[in-house]
Amino acid sequence: MELLVGLIFGPLGILIAVCSKGKYVNCPFCRRSVDPKALVCPYCQRDIVDRARFAIAPETK
């Protein structure tokens, strides 16, 4: 039974993860996904204020 649940929800989880990546940018220091409006990375606590230097795309509407 567990195998069947894993076969059903495993690919679904991967699809959700791939589709939701577009709304975030990578931290230039730890490479984790963060909100494009963030000034400080919530994971490594480093400042992300120099966006042009690290080629972080500006927010698009």
N, C-alpha and C. Protein backbone atom coordinates (compact mmCIF):
# COMPACT_ATOMS: atom_id res chain seq x y z
N MET A 1 0.82 -1.20 0.00
CA MET A 1 0.00 0.00 0.00
C MET A 1 0.87 1.27 0.00
N GLU A 2 1.96 1.25 0.82
CA GLU A 2 2.83 2.42 0.88
C GLU A 2 3.50 2.68 -0.46
N LEU A 3 3.82 1.62 -1.16
CA LEU A 3 4.44 1.77 -2.47
C LEU A 3 3.49 2.47 -3.44
N LEU A 4 2.23 2.10 -3.41
CA LEU A 4 1.23 2.72 -4.28
C LEU A 4 1.08 4.21 -3.97
N VAL A 5 1.03 4.56 -2.70
CA VAL A 5 0.92 5.97 -2.30
C VAL A 5 2.16 6.74 -2.76
N GLY A 6 3.33 6.14 -2.59
CA GLY A 6 4.56 6.78 -3.03
C GLY A 6 4.61 6.98 -4.54
N LEU A 7 4.13 6.00 -5.28
CA LEU A 7 4.12 6.11 -6.74
C LEU A 7 3.15 7.19 -7.22
N ILE A 8 2.09 7.41 -6.47
CA ILE A 8 1.10 8.43 -6.86
C ILE A 8 1.57 9.83 -6.46
N PHE A 9 2.00 9.99 -5.20
CA PHE A 9 2.32 11.33 -4.70
C PHE A 9 3.75 11.78 -4.97
N GLY A 10 4.66 10.88 -5.26
CA GLY A 10 6.03 11.26 -5.56
C GLY A 10 6.14 12.15 -6.79
N PRO A 11 5.64 11.69 -7.95
CA PRO A 11 5.69 12.54 -9.14
C PRO A 11 4.86 13.83 -9.00
N LEU A 12 3.78 13.76 -8.23
CA LEU A 12 2.96 14.96 -8.01
C LEU A 12 3.76 16.01 -7.24
N GLY A 13 4.51 15.58 -6.23
CA GLY A 13 5.34 16.51 -5.46
C GLY A 13 6.44 17.13 -6.31
N ILE A 14 7.04 16.35 -7.17
CA ILE A 14 8.09 16.87 -8.06
C ILE A 14 7.50 17.90 -9.02
N LEU A 15 6.33 17.62 -9.56
CA LEU A 15 5.67 18.55 -10.47
C LEU A 15 5.34 19.87 -9.77
N ILE A 16 4.85 19.81 -8.56
CA ILE A 16 4.54 21.02 -7.80
C ILE A 16 5.81 21.82 -7.53
N ALA A 17 6.89 21.15 -7.16
CA ALA A 17 8.15 21.84 -6.88
C ALA A 17 8.70 22.53 -8.11
N VAL A 18 8.62 21.89 -9.25
CA VAL A 18 9.13 22.48 -10.49
C VAL A 18 8.28 23.67 -10.92
N CYS A 19 6.98 23.57 -10.79
CA CYS A 19 6.09 24.65 -11.21
C CYS A 19 6.16 25.86 -10.30
N SER A 20 6.47 25.69 -9.03
CA SER A 20 6.47 26.81 -8.09
C SER A 20 7.81 27.54 -8.03
N LYS A 21 8.84 27.08 -8.71
CA LYS A 21 10.16 27.70 -8.66
C LYS A 21 10.20 29.08 -9.29
N GLY A 22 9.31 29.42 -10.21
CA GLY A 22 9.40 30.64 -10.98
C GLY A 22 9.20 31.92 -10.19
N LYS A 23 8.68 31.86 -8.98
CA LYS A 23 8.38 33.06 -8.23
C LYS A 23 9.50 33.46 -7.28
N TYR A 24 10.60 32.75 -7.28
CA TYR A 24 11.68 33.01 -6.35
C TYR A 24 13.00 33.16 -7.09
N VAL A 25 13.96 33.78 -6.42
CA VAL A 25 15.32 33.89 -6.94
C VAL A 25 16.26 33.17 -5.98
N ASN A 26 17.44 32.84 -6.45
CA ASN A 26 18.42 32.16 -5.60
C ASN A 26 19.26 33.17 -4.85
N CYS A 27 19.51 32.88 -3.59
CA CYS A 27 20.43 33.70 -2.80
C CYS A 27 21.82 33.55 -3.42
N PRO A 28 22.54 34.65 -3.61
CA PRO A 28 23.87 34.55 -4.22
C PRO A 28 24.91 33.88 -3.33
N PHE A 29 24.59 33.68 -2.06
CA PHE A 29 25.56 33.10 -1.12
C PHE A 29 25.27 31.62 -0.85
N CYS A 30 24.02 31.28 -0.50
CA CYS A 30 23.73 29.88 -0.14
C CYS A 30 22.94 29.16 -1.23
N ARG A 31 22.51 29.88 -2.27
CA ARG A 31 21.81 29.32 -3.42
C ARG A 31 20.43 28.73 -3.08
N ARG A 32 19.84 29.12 -1.95
CA ARG A 32 18.50 28.68 -1.61
C ARG A 32 17.50 29.65 -2.23
N SER A 33 16.28 29.21 -2.48
CA SER A 33 15.25 30.05 -3.07
C SER A 33 14.70 31.03 -2.04
N VAL A 34 14.71 32.30 -2.41
CA VAL A 34 14.19 33.35 -1.53
C VAL A 34 13.25 34.26 -2.31
N ASP A 35 12.44 34.99 -1.59
CA ASP A 35 11.52 35.96 -2.18
C ASP A 35 12.33 37.04 -2.89
N PRO A 36 11.93 37.43 -4.09
CA PRO A 36 12.71 38.45 -4.83
C PRO A 36 12.73 39.81 -4.13
N LYS A 37 11.83 40.07 -3.20
CA LYS A 37 11.81 41.34 -2.46
C LYS A 37 12.69 41.30 -1.22
N ALA A 38 13.23 40.14 -0.87
CA ALA A 38 14.00 39.99 0.36
C ALA A 38 15.27 40.82 0.33
N LEU A 39 15.56 41.45 1.45
CA LEU A 39 16.81 42.19 1.60
C LEU A 39 17.84 41.36 2.35
N VAL A 40 17.36 40.37 3.13
CA VAL A 40 18.23 39.47 3.89
C VAL A 40 17.75 38.04 3.62
N CYS A 41 18.68 37.14 3.36
CA CYS A 41 18.33 35.75 3.12
C CYS A 41 17.85 35.13 4.44
N PRO A 42 16.66 34.48 4.44
CA PRO A 42 16.17 33.88 5.67
C PRO A 42 16.94 32.62 6.08
N TYR A 43 17.77 32.10 5.22
CA TYR A 43 18.51 30.88 5.51
C TYR A 43 19.92 31.17 6.03
N CYS A 44 20.69 31.97 5.29
CA CYS A 44 22.07 32.24 5.70
C CYS A 44 22.22 33.59 6.39
N GLN A 45 21.16 34.39 6.43
CA GLN A 45 21.14 35.69 7.11
C GLN A 45 22.09 36.73 6.52
N ARG A 46 22.43 36.58 5.25
CA ARG A 46 23.34 37.54 4.61
C ARG A 46 22.51 38.57 3.86
N ASP A 47 23.04 39.78 3.76
CA ASP A 47 22.36 40.87 3.06
C ASP A 47 22.36 40.61 1.56
N ILE A 48 21.21 40.86 0.94
CA ILE A 48 21.08 40.71 -0.52
C ILE A 48 20.71 42.08 -1.09
N VAL A 49 21.45 43.09 -0.73
CA VAL A 49 21.10 44.44 -1.16
C VAL A 49 21.75 44.83 -2.47
N ASP A 50 22.87 44.24 -2.81
CA ASP A 50 23.58 44.59 -4.04
C ASP A 50 23.11 43.65 -5.16
N ARG A 51 21.87 43.81 -5.60
CA ARG A 51 21.26 42.91 -6.57
C ARG A 51 21.96 42.93 -7.93
N ALA A 52 22.41 44.07 -8.38
CA ALA A 52 23.05 44.15 -9.70
C ALA A 52 24.36 43.37 -9.74
N ARG A 53 25.09 43.38 -8.65
CA ARG A 53 26.37 42.68 -8.61
C ARG A 53 26.19 41.17 -8.72
N PHE A 54 25.09 40.64 -8.18
CA PHE A 54 24.86 39.21 -8.19
C PHE A 54 23.85 38.79 -9.24
N ALA A 55 23.48 39.68 -10.13
CA ALA A 55 22.59 39.39 -11.26
C ALA A 55 21.26 38.79 -10.81
N ILE A 56 20.69 39.36 -9.76
CA ILE A 56 19.36 38.93 -9.34
C ILE A 56 18.36 39.80 -10.09
N ALA A 57 17.50 39.15 -10.82
CA ALA A 57 16.55 39.87 -11.65
C ALA A 57 15.59 40.68 -10.79
N PRO A 58 15.24 41.88 -11.22
CA PRO A 58 14.25 42.66 -10.48
C PRO A 58 12.87 42.03 -10.58
N GLU A 59 12.02 42.43 -9.68
CA GLU A 59 10.66 41.89 -9.65
C GLU A 59 9.90 42.29 -10.93
N THR A 60 9.19 41.35 -11.51
CA THR A 60 8.37 41.63 -12.68
C THR A 60 6.92 41.53 -12.31
N LYS A 61 6.12 42.39 -12.91
CA LYS A 61 4.68 42.39 -12.60
C LYS A 61 3.88 41.85 -13.73
